[in-house]
Amino acid sequence: MITFVQMILAIFILIGGFIKLFRIPFQVEHWRHYRYPLWFMSAIGLIELIGAIGMIGGIWNQHLVLGSGILFIILMMGAIHAHMFRARQPIVTVIPATICLILSILVIFWNSDVFS
């Protein structure tokens, strides 16, 4: 079960990272609403790719899960902040980031026996 959740989370973040790195037009438009510079979008995309690779690697090396999970928690809190406070978008726009935030927390707790 945990492997499945890790893979879903990693794939979702991986896709988001590629969308940001390749500056897909709809994502560029979102970043204009957030009022962040485009270089920051590329940096976040790269960080998301690294985290997703770590989460996938965490299937075989569970210590990678902690770092990737913490990274995703920070990224998703930032995403929620950008949607709600910088762009002042409707609450429904934070649903994907909130789901990823919750899954990240669950993945860390499910692997907590490794960290003790």
N, C-alpha and C. Protein backbone atom coordinates (compact mmCIF):
# COMPACT_ATOMS: atom_id res chain seq x y z
N MET A 1 0.82 -1.20 0.00
CA MET A 1 0.00 0.00 0.00
C MET A 1 0.86 1.26 0.00
N ILE A 2 1.88 1.29 0.89
CA ILE A 2 2.71 2.47 0.99
C ILE A 2 3.47 2.71 -0.30
N THR A 3 3.93 1.64 -0.94
CA THR A 3 4.64 1.77 -2.21
C THR A 3 3.74 2.41 -3.25
N PHE A 4 2.49 2.01 -3.29
CA PHE A 4 1.53 2.58 -4.23
C PHE A 4 1.35 4.08 -3.97
N VAL A 5 1.18 4.46 -2.71
CA VAL A 5 1.00 5.87 -2.36
C VAL A 5 2.25 6.67 -2.72
N GLN A 6 3.43 6.12 -2.42
CA GLN A 6 4.67 6.80 -2.78
C GLN A 6 4.75 7.02 -4.29
N MET A 7 4.40 6.02 -5.07
CA MET A 7 4.47 6.13 -6.53
C MET A 7 3.47 7.17 -7.05
N ILE A 8 2.25 7.15 -6.55
CA ILE A 8 1.25 8.12 -6.99
C ILE A 8 1.72 9.53 -6.66
N LEU A 9 2.20 9.73 -5.44
CA LEU A 9 2.69 11.03 -5.02
C LEU A 9 3.88 11.47 -5.88
N ALA A 10 4.81 10.56 -6.10
CA ALA A 10 6.00 10.89 -6.89
C ALA A 10 5.62 11.23 -8.34
N ILE A 11 4.74 10.47 -8.93
CA ILE A 11 4.33 10.73 -10.31
C ILE A 11 3.63 12.08 -10.43
N PHE A 12 2.75 12.37 -9.48
CA PHE A 12 2.03 13.64 -9.50
C PHE A 12 3.00 14.82 -9.40
N ILE A 13 3.96 14.73 -8.48
CA ILE A 13 4.95 15.79 -8.29
C ILE A 13 5.89 15.85 -9.50
N LEU A 14 6.24 14.70 -10.04
CA LEU A 14 7.13 14.63 -11.21
C LEU A 14 6.50 15.35 -12.41
N ILE A 15 5.23 15.09 -12.64
CA ILE A 15 4.53 15.76 -13.75
C ILE A 15 4.52 17.27 -13.53
N GLY A 16 4.21 17.70 -12.31
CA GLY A 16 4.23 19.13 -11.99
C GLY A 16 5.60 19.75 -12.20
N GLY A 17 6.64 19.01 -11.84
CA GLY A 17 8.00 19.50 -12.03
C GLY A 17 8.34 19.69 -13.50
N PHE A 18 7.97 18.71 -14.33
CA PHE A 18 8.23 18.84 -15.77
C PHE A 18 7.43 20.00 -16.38
N ILE A 19 6.19 20.16 -15.94
CA ILE A 19 5.37 21.26 -16.44
C ILE A 19 6.03 22.60 -16.13
N LYS A 20 6.59 22.72 -14.95
CA LYS A 20 7.25 23.97 -14.58
C LYS A 20 8.57 24.15 -15.34
N LEU A 21 9.36 23.08 -15.43
CA LEU A 21 10.65 23.19 -16.11
C LEU A 21 10.51 23.53 -17.59
N PHE A 22 9.51 22.94 -18.23
CA PHE A 22 9.30 23.20 -19.65
C PHE A 22 8.44 24.44 -19.90
N ARG A 23 8.05 25.09 -18.82
CA ARG A 23 7.28 26.34 -18.90
C ARG A 23 6.06 26.22 -19.82
N ILE A 24 5.26 25.23 -19.52
CA ILE A 24 4.01 25.01 -20.25
C ILE A 24 3.15 26.27 -20.04
N PRO A 25 2.54 26.78 -21.12
CA PRO A 25 1.87 28.10 -21.05
C PRO A 25 0.87 28.27 -19.91
N PHE A 26 0.05 27.26 -19.62
CA PHE A 26 -0.93 27.45 -18.54
C PHE A 26 -0.24 27.64 -17.20
N GLN A 27 0.92 26.98 -17.01
CA GLN A 27 1.64 27.12 -15.75
C GLN A 27 2.30 28.50 -15.65
N VAL A 28 2.80 29.00 -16.78
CA VAL A 28 3.37 30.34 -16.80
C VAL A 28 2.30 31.37 -16.41
N GLU A 29 1.10 31.18 -16.92
CA GLU A 29 0.00 32.09 -16.57
C GLU A 29 -0.31 32.02 -15.07
N HIS A 30 -0.31 30.80 -14.51
CA HIS A 30 -0.53 30.67 -13.06
C HIS A 30 0.53 31.44 -12.29
N TRP A 31 1.78 31.31 -12.70
CA TRP A 31 2.86 31.97 -11.98
C TRP A 31 2.76 33.48 -12.09
N ARG A 32 2.20 33.96 -13.14
CA ARG A 32 1.98 35.41 -13.24
C ARG A 32 0.95 35.86 -12.20
N HIS A 33 -0.06 35.02 -11.96
CA HIS A 33 -1.05 35.34 -10.92
C HIS A 33 -0.42 35.29 -9.53
N TYR A 34 0.53 34.37 -9.34
CA TYR A 34 1.19 34.26 -8.04
C TYR A 34 2.17 35.40 -7.80
N ARG A 35 2.55 36.08 -8.85
CA ARG A 35 3.50 37.19 -8.80
C ARG A 35 4.90 36.74 -8.35
N TYR A 36 5.30 35.57 -8.84
CA TYR A 36 6.66 35.08 -8.62
C TYR A 36 7.41 35.18 -9.95
N PRO A 37 8.72 35.38 -9.93
CA PRO A 37 9.49 35.42 -11.19
C PRO A 37 9.55 34.02 -11.82
N LEU A 38 9.70 33.99 -13.14
CA LEU A 38 9.72 32.71 -13.85
C LEU A 38 10.93 31.85 -13.51
N TRP A 39 12.05 32.46 -13.13
CA TRP A 39 13.20 31.64 -12.74
C TRP A 39 12.85 30.81 -11.50
N PHE A 40 11.98 31.35 -10.64
CA PHE A 40 11.57 30.64 -9.44
C PHE A 40 10.71 29.43 -9.81
N MET A 41 9.91 29.56 -10.86
CA MET A 41 9.11 28.43 -11.34
C MET A 41 10.04 27.31 -11.78
N SER A 42 11.09 27.65 -12.51
CA SER A 42 12.05 26.63 -12.96
C SER A 42 12.76 25.99 -11.78
N ALA A 43 13.14 26.79 -10.80
CA ALA A 43 13.81 26.26 -9.61
C ALA A 43 12.90 25.30 -8.84
N ILE A 44 11.64 25.68 -8.68
CA ILE A 44 10.69 24.81 -7.99
C ILE A 44 10.48 23.53 -8.79
N GLY A 45 10.40 23.64 -10.11
CA GLY A 45 10.26 22.45 -10.95
C GLY A 45 11.42 21.49 -10.76
N LEU A 46 12.64 22.00 -10.72
CA LEU A 46 13.82 21.16 -10.52
C LEU A 46 13.79 20.52 -9.14
N ILE A 47 13.42 21.29 -8.14
CA ILE A 47 13.32 20.75 -6.77
C ILE A 47 12.27 19.65 -6.72
N GLU A 48 11.14 19.85 -7.41
CA GLU A 48 10.11 18.81 -7.45
C GLU A 48 10.62 17.54 -8.11
N LEU A 49 11.38 17.68 -9.19
CA LEU A 49 11.94 16.49 -9.85
C LEU A 49 12.88 15.73 -8.92
N ILE A 50 13.73 16.45 -8.23
CA ILE A 50 14.66 15.81 -7.29
C ILE A 50 13.89 15.08 -6.19
N GLY A 51 12.88 15.75 -5.65
CA GLY A 51 12.07 15.13 -4.60
C GLY A 51 11.32 13.90 -5.09
N ALA A 52 10.78 13.96 -6.30
CA ALA A 52 10.06 12.82 -6.86
C ALA A 52 10.99 11.63 -7.07
N ILE A 53 12.20 11.91 -7.55
CA ILE A 53 13.18 10.83 -7.73
C ILE A 53 13.53 10.23 -6.37
N GLY A 54 13.69 11.08 -5.36
CA GLY A 54 13.94 10.59 -4.01
C GLY A 54 12.80 9.75 -3.47
N MET A 55 11.56 10.16 -3.74
CA MET A 55 10.40 9.41 -3.26
C MET A 55 10.34 8.04 -3.94
N ILE A 56 10.65 8.00 -5.23
CA ILE A 56 10.68 6.71 -5.94
C ILE A 56 11.82 5.86 -5.39
N GLY A 57 12.99 6.48 -5.19
CA GLY A 57 14.11 5.76 -4.61
C GLY A 57 13.81 5.26 -3.21
N GLY A 58 12.89 5.93 -2.52
CA GLY A 58 12.49 5.53 -1.18
C GLY A 58 11.80 4.18 -1.12
N ILE A 59 11.38 3.68 -2.27
CA ILE A 59 10.80 2.33 -2.31
C ILE A 59 11.86 1.30 -1.93
N TRP A 60 13.10 1.55 -2.34
CA TRP A 60 14.20 0.63 -2.05
C TRP A 60 15.06 1.09 -0.88
N ASN A 61 15.13 2.39 -0.66
CA ASN A 61 15.92 2.94 0.44
C ASN A 61 15.01 3.89 1.21
N GLN A 62 14.44 3.39 2.28
CA GLN A 62 13.41 4.14 2.99
C GLN A 62 13.90 5.44 3.61
N HIS A 63 15.20 5.62 3.74
CA HIS A 63 15.71 6.87 4.31
C HIS A 63 15.48 8.04 3.36
N LEU A 64 15.35 7.77 2.06
CA LEU A 64 15.05 8.83 1.10
C LEU A 64 13.64 9.39 1.28
N VAL A 65 12.76 8.58 1.85
CA VAL A 65 11.37 9.00 2.05
C VAL A 65 11.29 10.20 2.99
N LEU A 66 12.08 10.21 4.02
CA LEU A 66 12.03 11.31 4.99
C LEU A 66 12.38 12.64 4.32
N GLY A 67 13.49 12.67 3.61
CA GLY A 67 13.89 13.90 2.94
C GLY A 67 12.89 14.36 1.90
N SER A 68 12.44 13.43 1.07
CA SER A 68 11.46 13.78 0.03
C SER A 68 10.14 14.19 0.64
N GLY A 69 9.72 13.48 1.68
CA GLY A 69 8.45 13.81 2.33
C GLY A 69 8.47 15.20 2.95
N ILE A 70 9.56 15.53 3.63
CA ILE A 70 9.69 16.87 4.22
C ILE A 70 9.72 17.92 3.13
N LEU A 71 10.46 17.64 2.06
CA LEU A 71 10.52 18.57 0.93
C LEU A 71 9.13 18.81 0.35
N PHE A 72 8.36 17.74 0.15
CA PHE A 72 7.01 17.87 -0.40
C PHE A 72 6.10 18.65 0.54
N ILE A 73 6.24 18.44 1.83
CA ILE A 73 5.43 19.19 2.79
C ILE A 73 5.70 20.68 2.66
N ILE A 74 6.97 21.05 2.58
CA ILE A 74 7.33 22.46 2.42
C ILE A 74 6.79 23.01 1.11
N LEU A 75 6.98 22.26 0.02
CA LEU A 75 6.50 22.71 -1.29
C LEU A 75 4.99 22.87 -1.33
N MET A 76 4.27 21.93 -0.75
CA MET A 76 2.81 21.99 -0.79
C MET A 76 2.27 23.10 0.10
N MET A 77 2.93 23.38 1.22
CA MET A 77 2.52 24.52 2.03
C MET A 77 2.74 25.81 1.25
N GLY A 78 3.84 25.87 0.50
CA GLY A 78 4.08 27.03 -0.37
C GLY A 78 3.05 27.15 -1.47
N ALA A 79 2.66 26.02 -2.05
CA ALA A 79 1.65 26.03 -3.11
C ALA A 79 0.30 26.51 -2.57
N ILE A 80 -0.07 26.04 -1.40
CA ILE A 80 -1.33 26.47 -0.79
C ILE A 80 -1.28 27.97 -0.52
N HIS A 81 -0.16 28.44 0.00
CA HIS A 81 0.00 29.87 0.25
C HIS A 81 -0.13 30.68 -1.04
N ALA A 82 0.52 30.21 -2.11
CA ALA A 82 0.48 30.94 -3.39
C ALA A 82 -0.95 31.03 -3.93
N HIS A 83 -1.68 29.93 -3.87
CA HIS A 83 -3.06 29.93 -4.38
C HIS A 83 -3.97 30.84 -3.56
N MET A 84 -3.88 30.71 -2.23
CA MET A 84 -4.84 31.40 -1.38
C MET A 84 -4.49 32.86 -1.12
N PHE A 85 -3.22 33.14 -0.91
CA PHE A 85 -2.86 34.48 -0.44
C PHE A 85 -2.21 35.35 -1.51
N ARG A 86 -1.44 34.75 -2.40
CA ARG A 86 -0.80 35.58 -3.43
C ARG A 86 -1.75 35.80 -4.61
N ALA A 87 -2.41 34.72 -5.06
CA ALA A 87 -3.31 34.85 -6.21
C ALA A 87 -4.76 35.02 -5.79
N ARG A 88 -5.06 34.79 -4.52
CA ARG A 88 -6.43 34.92 -3.99
C ARG A 88 -7.43 34.12 -4.82
N GLN A 89 -7.08 32.88 -5.07
CA GLN A 89 -7.93 31.99 -5.86
C GLN A 89 -8.94 31.28 -4.95
N PRO A 90 -9.98 30.72 -5.55
CA PRO A 90 -10.97 29.99 -4.74
C PRO A 90 -10.34 28.80 -4.01
N ILE A 91 -10.94 28.41 -2.93
CA ILE A 91 -10.43 27.35 -2.06
C ILE A 91 -10.25 26.03 -2.82
N VAL A 92 -11.06 25.78 -3.83
CA VAL A 92 -10.95 24.51 -4.57
C VAL A 92 -9.60 24.37 -5.27
N THR A 93 -8.92 25.47 -5.52
CA THR A 93 -7.64 25.39 -6.22
C THR A 93 -6.53 24.79 -5.35
N VAL A 94 -6.75 24.73 -4.04
CA VAL A 94 -5.74 24.16 -3.16
C VAL A 94 -5.95 22.66 -2.91
N ILE A 95 -6.99 22.09 -3.48
CA ILE A 95 -7.28 20.67 -3.23
C ILE A 95 -6.12 19.77 -3.65
N PRO A 96 -5.56 19.89 -4.86
CA PRO A 96 -4.44 19.00 -5.21
C PRO A 96 -3.24 19.14 -4.27
N ALA A 97 -2.87 20.36 -3.93
CA ALA A 97 -1.73 20.57 -3.02
C ALA A 97 -2.04 20.02 -1.63
N THR A 98 -3.28 20.18 -1.19
CA THR A 98 -3.66 19.66 0.13
C THR A 98 -3.61 18.14 0.16
N ILE A 99 -4.06 17.50 -0.92
CA ILE A 99 -3.98 16.04 -1.00
C ILE A 99 -2.52 15.59 -0.97
N CYS A 100 -1.66 16.27 -1.73
CA CYS A 100 -0.24 15.92 -1.73
C CYS A 100 0.39 16.15 -0.36
N LEU A 101 -0.03 17.21 0.32
CA LEU A 101 0.47 17.49 1.67
C LEU A 101 0.10 16.36 2.62
N ILE A 102 -1.15 15.95 2.59
CA ILE A 102 -1.63 14.87 3.46
C ILE A 102 -0.92 13.56 3.14
N LEU A 103 -0.79 13.25 1.85
CA LEU A 103 -0.10 12.02 1.46
C LEU A 103 1.36 12.03 1.88
N SER A 104 2.00 13.19 1.79
CA SER A 104 3.40 13.31 2.22
C SER A 104 3.54 13.03 3.72
N ILE A 105 2.63 13.58 4.49
CA ILE A 105 2.65 13.35 5.93
C ILE A 105 2.42 11.86 6.23
N LEU A 106 1.46 11.25 5.54
CA LEU A 106 1.17 9.83 5.76
C LEU A 106 2.35 8.95 5.38
N VAL A 107 3.00 9.26 4.27
CA VAL A 107 4.15 8.46 3.84
C VAL A 107 5.27 8.53 4.88
N ILE A 108 5.49 9.72 5.45
CA ILE A 108 6.51 9.84 6.49
C ILE A 108 6.12 9.01 7.71
N PHE A 109 4.87 9.10 8.15
CA PHE A 109 4.44 8.35 9.32
C PHE A 109 4.45 6.85 9.07
N TRP A 110 4.07 6.42 7.88
CA TRP A 110 4.10 4.99 7.57
C TRP A 110 5.52 4.44 7.60
N ASN A 111 6.48 5.27 7.31
CA ASN A 111 7.89 4.85 7.33
C ASN A 111 8.58 5.24 8.62
N SER A 112 7.84 5.69 9.63
CA SER A 112 8.45 6.21 10.85
C SER A 112 9.25 5.17 11.61
N ASP A 113 8.94 3.90 11.46
CA ASP A 113 9.72 2.86 12.14
C ASP A 113 11.16 2.84 11.66
N VAL A 114 11.39 3.29 10.46
CA VAL A 114 12.74 3.33 9.90
C VAL A 114 13.56 4.43 10.57
N PHE A 115 12.89 5.53 10.97
CA PHE A 115 13.58 6.70 11.47
C PHE A 115 13.82 6.68 12.97
N SER A 116 13.33 5.65 13.66
CA SER A 116 13.50 5.63 15.12
C SER A 116 14.69 4.79 15.54
